[in-house]
């Protein structure tokens, strides 16, 4: 079974289901109060056999993406478990296809999520993913709050 999520301009604050299976449930909400044009697909919907998840993202950003810093904050059963920051776009020799996307253009990207190489303990995970258009982390482009329940 795989999860598929379609949504365009969904109401902010409403949880959107990404996928559900016998061992995993994932959903998310936007952190801000503005509607986004966004679609996310994740397969397989499982943590069994340590799969590499295949993700597809379609997004129409509200500003140009010349610089993009991603910040991941992960909590496990209420305790902070991980803080990870990654510079994806710097404006020079960028390797990711999303770099250079202009405001209003449709960004369509497929990528692997290899974090599933380790076994996730059963429990509740909260993952906040923020995208910033500056290194000082003042200008947020997007913010998603994922909920992952490993059964």
Protein backbone atom coordinates (compact mmCIF):
# COMPACT_ATOMS: atom_id res chain seq x y z
CA UNK A 1 0.00 0.00 0.00
CA UNK A 2 1.32 3.47 -0.72
CA UNK A 3 0.13 6.87 0.33
CA UNK A 4 -0.81 9.57 -2.08
CA UNK A 5 -1.75 13.06 -1.11
CA UNK A 6 -3.25 15.66 -3.42
CA UNK A 7 -4.01 19.17 -2.34
CA UNK A 8 -3.96 22.62 -3.79
CA UNK A 9 -4.47 25.70 -1.63
CA UNK A 10 -5.64 23.79 1.43
CA UNK A 11 -6.89 25.57 4.49
CA UNK A 12 -4.02 26.40 6.85
CA UNK A 13 -4.01 24.55 10.16
CA UNK A 14 -5.92 21.57 8.77
CA UNK A 15 -4.00 18.31 9.00
CA UNK A 16 -3.41 16.56 5.65
CA UNK A 17 -2.87 12.80 5.65
CA UNK A 18 0.19 11.68 3.68
CA UNK A 19 -0.22 7.96 4.26
CA UNK A 20 -1.39 5.28 6.64
CA UNK A 21 -0.52 1.59 6.93
CA UNK A 22 -0.30 -1.14 9.58
CA UNK A 23 3.02 0.23 10.88
CA UNK A 24 3.09 3.94 9.95
CA UNK A 25 0.88 7.00 9.84
CA UNK A 26 2.07 10.35 8.49
CA UNK A 27 0.34 13.72 8.18
CA UNK A 28 1.26 17.38 8.24
CA UNK A 29 0.03 20.91 8.66
CA UNK A 30 1.50 24.22 7.53
CA UNK A 31 3.08 26.23 10.34
CA UNK A 32 1.78 29.56 9.07
CA UNK A 33 -1.73 30.82 8.42
CA UNK A 34 -1.35 31.32 4.66
CA UNK A 35 -2.68 28.84 2.09
CA UNK A 36 -0.06 27.14 -0.09
CA UNK A 37 -0.14 25.51 -3.50
CA UNK A 38 1.54 22.24 -2.61
CA UNK A 39 1.44 18.48 -3.25
CA UNK A 40 3.46 15.73 -1.54
CA UNK A 41 3.58 11.99 -2.25
CA UNK A 42 5.55 9.38 -0.26
CA UNK A 43 6.01 5.66 -0.98
CA UNK A 44 6.13 3.12 0.52
CA UNK A 45 4.06 3.93 3.58
CA UNK A 46 6.06 1.65 5.82
CA UNK A 47 9.10 1.48 8.06
CA UNK A 48 9.45 -2.30 7.63
CA UNK A 49 12.57 -3.67 5.91
CA UNK A 50 14.18 -0.20 6.16
CA UNK A 51 12.89 1.09 2.81
CA UNK A 52 14.24 4.08 0.95
CA UNK A 53 11.24 6.34 0.68
CA UNK A 54 10.47 7.88 -2.69
CA UNK A 55 9.07 11.38 -2.41
CA UNK A 56 7.50 13.65 -5.00
CA UNK A 57 7.00 17.32 -4.30
CA UNK A 58 5.04 19.85 -6.32
CA UNK A 59 5.05 23.40 -4.99
CA UNK A 60 4.44 26.90 -6.31
CA UNK A 61 6.66 29.12 -4.13
CA UNK A 62 5.61 32.64 -3.17
CA UNK A 63 9.09 34.01 -3.79
CA UNK A 64 12.15 33.22 -5.93
CA UNK A 65 14.39 30.39 -4.74
CA UNK A 66 17.95 31.60 -5.24
CA UNK A 67 19.00 30.80 -1.68
CA UNK A 68 17.39 27.99 0.32
CA UNK A 69 18.37 26.76 3.75
CA UNK A 70 16.35 23.86 5.19
CA UNK A 71 16.10 23.34 8.96
CA UNK A 72 14.76 20.07 10.42
CA UNK A 73 13.71 19.89 14.07
CA UNK A 74 12.70 16.39 15.20
CA UNK A 75 11.03 15.46 18.47
CA UNK A 76 10.43 11.86 19.60
CA UNK A 77 7.69 11.32 22.20
CA UNK A 78 8.01 14.98 23.23
CA UNK A 79 11.82 15.08 23.59
CA UNK A 80 14.06 16.91 21.11
CA UNK A 81 15.91 14.26 19.11
CA UNK A 82 17.58 16.08 16.19
CA UNK A 83 18.38 19.49 14.75
CA UNK A 84 19.75 19.39 11.21
CA UNK A 85 20.43 22.31 8.85
CA UNK A 86 21.27 21.99 5.17
CA UNK A 87 22.05 24.65 2.58
CA UNK A 88 20.38 23.47 -0.66
CA UNK A 89 20.72 26.60 -2.80
CA UNK A 90 23.39 29.28 -2.50
CA UNK A 91 22.96 30.99 -5.88
CA UNK A 92 26.18 29.58 -7.35
CA UNK A 93 26.76 26.11 -8.83
CA UNK A 94 23.65 24.69 -7.19
CA UNK A 95 23.13 20.95 -7.74
CA UNK A 96 19.41 20.75 -6.90
CA UNK A 97 16.75 21.30 -9.57
CA UNK A 98 14.62 23.45 -7.28
CA UNK A 99 17.33 26.12 -7.12
CA UNK A 100 16.49 29.01 -9.39
CA UNK A 101 12.72 28.41 -9.32
CA UNK A 102 10.95 31.75 -9.65
CA UNK A 103 7.95 33.01 -7.71
CA UNK A 104 4.80 31.54 -9.25
CA UNK A 105 6.62 28.81 -11.22
CA UNK A 106 5.69 25.21 -10.53
CA UNK A 107 8.47 23.29 -8.83
CA UNK A 108 8.19 19.55 -9.47
CA UNK A 109 10.85 17.36 -7.84
CA UNK A 110 11.34 13.67 -7.07
CA UNK A 111 13.88 12.57 -4.47
CA UNK A 112 14.78 9.75 -2.08
CA UNK A 113 14.56 10.03 1.69
CA UNK A 114 17.27 7.74 2.97
CA UNK A 115 16.78 8.49 6.66
CA UNK A 116 14.89 5.22 6.90
CA UNK A 117 18.23 3.32 6.89
CA UNK A 118 17.83 2.89 10.63
CA UNK A 119 14.94 1.41 12.54
CA UNK A 120 12.47 3.90 13.96
CA UNK A 121 11.40 3.03 17.51
CA UNK A 122 7.64 2.89 17.99
CA UNK A 123 6.22 6.19 19.11
CA UNK A 124 5.19 9.68 18.07
CA UNK A 125 7.48 11.92 16.05
CA UNK A 126 7.01 15.61 15.35
CA UNK A 127 9.15 16.95 12.51
CA UNK A 128 9.18 20.67 11.71
CA UNK A 129 10.72 21.46 8.33
CA UNK A 130 11.43 25.13 7.63
CA UNK A 131 12.76 26.65 4.42
CA UNK A 132 14.52 30.03 4.61
CA UNK A 133 15.60 32.41 1.84
CA UNK A 134 18.50 33.76 3.93
CA UNK A 135 21.30 32.36 6.08
CA UNK A 136 20.13 34.28 9.17
CA UNK A 137 16.86 32.26 9.13
CA UNK A 138 14.69 35.40 9.21
CA UNK A 139 12.86 35.06 5.88
CA UNK A 140 10.81 31.85 5.91
CA UNK A 141 9.58 30.56 2.53
CA UNK A 142 7.70 27.55 3.87
CA UNK A 143 7.15 25.69 7.12
CA UNK A 144 5.61 22.23 7.53
CA UNK A 145 4.87 20.37 10.75
CA UNK A 146 4.89 16.61 10.06
CA UNK A 147 3.45 14.06 12.48
CA UNK A 148 4.77 10.52 12.16
CA UNK A 149 3.37 7.69 14.26
CA UNK A 150 5.33 4.45 14.17
CA UNK A 151 3.03 1.67 15.36
